[in-house]
């Protein structure tokens, strides 16, 4: 055995290369920063421009189905424009459709849930609703005429968007919508808890315009249902 030859071989340095370690940490840092920036941009976009909204119930079928992610246009009513009859809107029903929000609960859990909701990953808060605008401030909305149709200011409404087999309303009603408020109903009338169910409560079943989060303009998921939301 040639021991001299073995001793003459340069010993390999098995310690990690400091430069490689620094490069790896640098790459990880850049990836982390990039992810944080992406999440920040997504949250800002959801807060001020377009927010994904996960449809939690069948109250708007067939227009919107359970599990659809709709893109809510938050700029639709930001520059003096107001919701119009036929618009599909997402709104905060606190104090009208839902009770006043309490301050209890785990704030961290609440924050995480809110972040998930604004990105469309989890169901929205129980106080958030999606409905169709039937009447605006000053309108007199009633049901039903001799042909079973809803009337707005004495004129029958053509509701081609209604769920097949549903009547415009199984419950007769007549109301005048106060200024600055909306009368809203689901397209699946037999499965929708809407303005009709809150007639005897504050606001008479109507929703303040300033509680509207935005207009549901597009279906973004699933891919097979990509397209615009039918208004009017």
Protein backbone atom coordinates (compact mmCIF):
# COMPACT_ATOMS: atom_id res chain seq x y z
CA UNK A 1 0.00 0.00 0.00
CA UNK A 2 1.39 3.39 -0.99
CA UNK A 3 0.92 5.32 2.24
CA UNK A 4 3.05 8.18 0.99
CA UNK A 5 0.68 8.70 -1.91
CA UNK A 6 -2.26 8.78 0.45
CA UNK A 7 -0.57 11.40 2.64
CA UNK A 8 0.33 13.47 -0.38
CA UNK A 9 -3.35 13.82 -1.46
CA UNK A 10 -4.81 17.17 -0.45
CA UNK A 11 -7.44 16.74 2.25
CA UNK A 12 -10.91 17.75 1.12
CA UNK A 13 -12.63 20.55 3.00
CA UNK A 14 -15.97 19.12 4.07
CA UNK A 15 -17.22 22.31 5.69
CA UNK A 16 -19.99 24.19 3.86
CA UNK A 17 -19.02 27.04 1.58
CA UNK A 18 -19.85 30.28 3.44
CA UNK A 19 -20.56 32.01 0.17
CA UNK A 20 -23.09 29.34 -0.86
CA UNK A 21 -24.80 29.65 2.53
CA UNK A 22 -25.11 33.38 2.14
CA UNK A 23 -26.52 32.99 -1.37
CA UNK A 24 -29.09 30.48 -0.13
CA UNK A 25 -30.20 32.76 2.68
CA UNK A 26 -30.35 35.68 0.27
CA UNK A 27 -32.57 33.72 -2.12
CA UNK A 28 -34.88 32.68 0.73
CA UNK A 29 -35.08 36.28 1.90
CA UNK A 30 -35.96 37.51 -1.60
CA UNK A 31 -38.65 34.82 -1.97
CA UNK A 32 -40.09 35.77 1.43
CA UNK A 33 -40.13 39.46 0.57
CA UNK A 34 -41.70 38.73 -2.83
CA UNK A 35 -44.43 36.63 -1.23
CA UNK A 36 -45.13 39.34 1.36
CA UNK A 37 -45.37 41.99 -1.36
CA UNK A 38 -47.70 39.78 -3.40
CA UNK A 39 -49.98 39.21 -0.41
CA UNK A 40 -49.91 42.94 0.37
CA UNK A 41 -50.88 43.85 -3.20
CA UNK A 42 -53.65 41.23 -3.15
CA UNK A 43 -55.06 42.54 0.13
CA UNK A 44 -54.91 46.16 -1.04
CA UNK A 45 -56.61 45.23 -4.31
CA UNK A 46 -59.31 43.34 -2.40
CA UNK A 47 -59.79 46.24 -0.02
CA UNK A 48 -60.16 49.00 -2.61
CA UNK A 49 -60.65 47.65 -6.16
CA UNK A 50 -61.88 44.08 -6.68
CA UNK A 51 -62.64 41.56 -3.95
CA UNK A 52 -63.30 37.85 -4.49
CA UNK A 53 -66.46 36.68 -2.74
CA UNK A 54 -67.30 33.03 -2.11
CA UNK A 55 -71.00 32.28 -2.65
CA UNK A 56 -72.11 30.39 0.48
CA UNK A 57 -75.75 29.56 -0.30
CA UNK A 58 -78.25 28.81 -3.06
CA UNK A 59 -80.26 32.03 -2.59
CA UNK A 60 -79.03 33.52 -5.89
CA UNK A 61 -79.39 30.45 -8.12
CA UNK A 62 -79.31 30.06 -11.05
CA UNK A 63 -77.36 33.31 -11.47
CA UNK A 64 -74.82 32.34 -8.79
CA UNK A 65 -74.21 28.86 -7.44
CA UNK A 66 -72.78 27.60 -4.16
CA UNK A 67 -68.98 27.66 -4.41
CA UNK A 68 -68.80 30.30 -7.15
CA UNK A 69 -66.16 32.97 -6.61
CA UNK A 70 -67.49 36.27 -7.86
CA UNK A 71 -65.38 39.36 -8.41
CA UNK A 72 -66.94 42.27 -6.53
CA UNK A 73 -66.28 45.61 -8.19
CA UNK A 74 -65.65 48.03 -5.32
CA UNK A 75 -65.25 51.00 -7.65
CA UNK A 76 -68.74 50.64 -9.15
CA UNK A 77 -70.30 53.06 -6.65
CA UNK A 78 -67.26 55.08 -5.56
CA UNK A 79 -67.57 58.12 -7.82
CA UNK A 80 -71.13 59.27 -7.34
CA UNK A 81 -72.77 56.27 -9.00
CA UNK A 82 -75.54 54.54 -7.09
CA UNK A 83 -76.87 50.98 -7.24
CA UNK A 84 -79.55 50.51 -9.86
CA UNK A 85 -82.50 48.17 -10.13
CA UNK A 86 -81.28 44.78 -11.30
CA UNK A 87 -77.73 45.14 -9.95
CA UNK A 88 -76.37 42.16 -8.02
CA UNK A 89 -74.66 43.61 -4.96
CA UNK A 90 -72.69 42.40 -1.96
CA UNK A 91 -73.48 44.29 1.22
CA UNK A 92 -72.94 44.30 4.97
CA UNK A 93 -76.24 43.42 6.59
CA UNK A 94 -75.17 44.39 10.11
CA UNK A 95 -78.02 46.15 11.89
CA UNK A 96 -80.47 45.25 9.12
CA UNK A 97 -80.28 41.63 7.97
CA UNK A 98 -77.96 40.60 10.82
CA UNK A 99 -77.56 41.66 14.45
CA UNK A 100 -74.95 44.15 15.55
CA UNK A 101 -71.46 42.65 15.53
CA UNK A 102 -70.05 41.85 18.94
CA UNK A 103 -66.52 42.58 20.08
CA UNK A 104 -65.94 39.11 21.61
CA UNK A 105 -63.97 36.24 20.15
CA UNK A 106 -60.32 35.66 19.40
CA UNK A 107 -59.00 38.72 17.53
CA UNK A 108 -56.27 36.69 15.79
CA UNK A 109 -58.79 34.13 14.54
CA UNK A 110 -61.10 36.93 13.43
CA UNK A 111 -58.25 38.61 11.53
CA UNK A 112 -57.26 35.37 9.78
CA UNK A 113 -60.86 34.67 8.84
CA UNK A 114 -61.24 38.19 7.47
CA UNK A 115 -58.07 37.79 5.40
CA UNK A 116 -59.38 34.49 4.05
CA UNK A 117 -62.74 36.05 3.21
CA UNK A 118 -61.29 39.03 1.32
CA UNK A 119 -59.23 36.63 -0.83
CA UNK A 120 -62.22 34.38 -1.50
CA UNK A 121 -60.65 31.36 0.21
CA UNK A 122 -63.24 30.96 2.96
CA UNK A 123 -66.90 31.79 3.36
CA UNK A 124 -67.62 35.47 4.00
CA UNK A 125 -68.71 36.79 7.38
CA UNK A 126 -72.26 35.86 8.35
CA UNK A 127 -73.19 39.53 8.10
CA UNK A 128 -72.23 39.73 4.39
CA UNK A 129 -74.93 39.03 1.79
CA UNK A 130 -75.32 38.94 -1.98
CA UNK A 131 -78.73 39.90 -3.42
CA UNK A 132 -80.33 41.63 -6.38
CA UNK A 133 -81.56 45.22 -6.14
CA UNK A 134 -85.30 45.34 -6.86
CA UNK A 135 -86.11 48.84 -5.63
CA UNK A 136 -84.12 52.00 -4.89
CA UNK A 137 -84.89 55.06 -2.77
CA UNK A 138 -88.36 56.48 -3.52
CA UNK A 139 -89.64 53.32 -5.25
CA UNK A 140 -92.87 51.64 -4.24
CA UNK A 141 -92.37 47.89 -4.49
CA UNK A 142 -95.30 45.47 -4.24
CA UNK A 143 -96.32 41.92 -4.96
CA UNK A 144 -98.16 40.74 -6.67
CA UNK A 145 -100.21 41.88 -9.65
CA UNK A 146 -102.96 39.73 -11.23
CA UNK A 147 -100.31 37.75 -13.12
CA UNK A 148 -98.23 37.18 -9.99
CA UNK A 149 -95.49 39.66 -10.90
CA UNK A 150 -93.65 42.12 -8.67
CA UNK A 151 -94.42 45.73 -9.47
CA UNK A 152 -92.17 48.75 -9.03
CA UNK A 153 -94.00 52.06 -9.13
CA UNK A 154 -97.00 50.30 -10.64
CA UNK A 155 -95.03 48.67 -13.47
CA UNK A 156 -94.50 44.89 -13.61
CA UNK A 157 -90.89 43.68 -13.48
CA UNK A 158 -89.66 41.14 -16.04
CA UNK A 159 -87.61 38.78 -13.88
CA UNK A 160 -86.16 36.31 -16.37
CA UNK A 161 -83.35 35.61 -13.90
CA UNK A 162 -85.67 33.85 -11.40
CA UNK A 163 -84.97 30.24 -10.45
CA UNK A 164 -87.07 27.90 -12.61
CA UNK A 165 -90.28 26.99 -10.82
CA UNK A 166 -90.12 29.90 -8.37
CA UNK A 167 -92.81 32.54 -8.14
CA UNK A 168 -91.74 36.18 -7.68
CA UNK A 169 -92.93 35.95 -4.07
CA UNK A 170 -95.12 33.54 -2.13
CA UNK A 171 -95.69 36.32 0.41
CA UNK A 172 -97.63 39.44 -0.62
CA UNK A 173 -96.10 42.76 0.39
CA UNK A 174 -96.09 46.45 -0.39
CA UNK A 175 -93.49 48.96 0.75
CA UNK A 176 -91.97 52.30 -0.10
CA UNK A 177 -88.17 52.32 -0.13
CA UNK A 178 -86.73 55.22 1.93
CA UNK A 179 -84.22 57.56 0.34
CA UNK A 180 -80.66 56.21 0.47
CA UNK A 181 -81.79 52.60 0.91
CA UNK A 182 -82.38 49.51 -1.24
CA UNK A 183 -84.98 46.74 -1.41
CA UNK A 184 -83.11 43.52 -2.25
CA UNK A 185 -84.16 39.94 -3.05
CA UNK A 186 -82.52 36.68 -4.04
CA UNK A 187 -83.09 35.12 -7.47
CA UNK A 188 -84.02 31.80 -5.82
CA UNK A 189 -87.02 33.29 -4.06
CA UNK A 190 -88.12 30.12 -2.28
CA UNK A 191 -84.62 29.73 -0.76
CA UNK A 192 -83.80 33.38 -0.08
CA UNK A 193 -83.98 35.27 3.20
CA UNK A 194 -84.15 38.84 1.95
CA UNK A 195 -85.95 42.17 2.40
CA UNK A 196 -89.31 40.38 2.68
CA UNK A 197 -88.19 38.63 5.87
CA UNK A 198 -87.23 41.86 7.64
CA UNK A 199 -90.24 44.07 6.96
CA UNK A 200 -91.00 44.49 10.66
CA UNK A 201 -87.43 45.31 11.64
CA UNK A 202 -85.53 48.64 11.64
CA UNK A 203 -85.35 49.93 8.08
CA UNK A 204 -88.38 47.89 7.01
CA UNK A 205 -86.24 45.27 5.30
CA UNK A 206 -84.23 47.79 3.30
CA UNK A 207 -80.45 48.14 3.23
CA UNK A 208 -78.53 51.44 3.45
CA UNK A 209 -76.66 52.27 0.25
CA UNK A 210 -73.53 52.99 2.28
CA UNK A 211 -73.54 49.35 3.47
CA UNK A 212 -73.00 48.14 -0.10
CA UNK A 213 -69.50 46.67 -0.50
CA UNK A 214 -69.63 46.54 -4.29
CA UNK A 215 -71.29 45.11 -7.39
CA UNK A 216 -70.78 41.45 -8.31
CA UNK A 217 -69.66 41.79 -11.92
CA UNK A 218 -67.83 38.57 -12.85
CA UNK A 219 -67.64 34.90 -11.97
CA UNK A 220 -63.95 34.01 -11.66
CA UNK A 221 -64.20 30.41 -10.47
CA UNK A 222 -64.81 27.61 -11.35
CA UNK A 223 -63.34 27.92 -14.83
CA UNK A 224 -66.38 26.31 -16.38
CA UNK A 225 -68.50 29.23 -15.21
CA UNK A 226 -66.22 32.12 -16.12
CA UNK A 227 -68.22 35.09 -17.31
CA UNK A 228 -70.08 38.23 -16.37
CA UNK A 229 -72.92 38.31 -13.84
CA UNK A 230 -76.31 39.10 -15.34
CA UNK A 231 -77.70 42.43 -14.15
CA UNK A 232 -81.21 43.64 -14.82
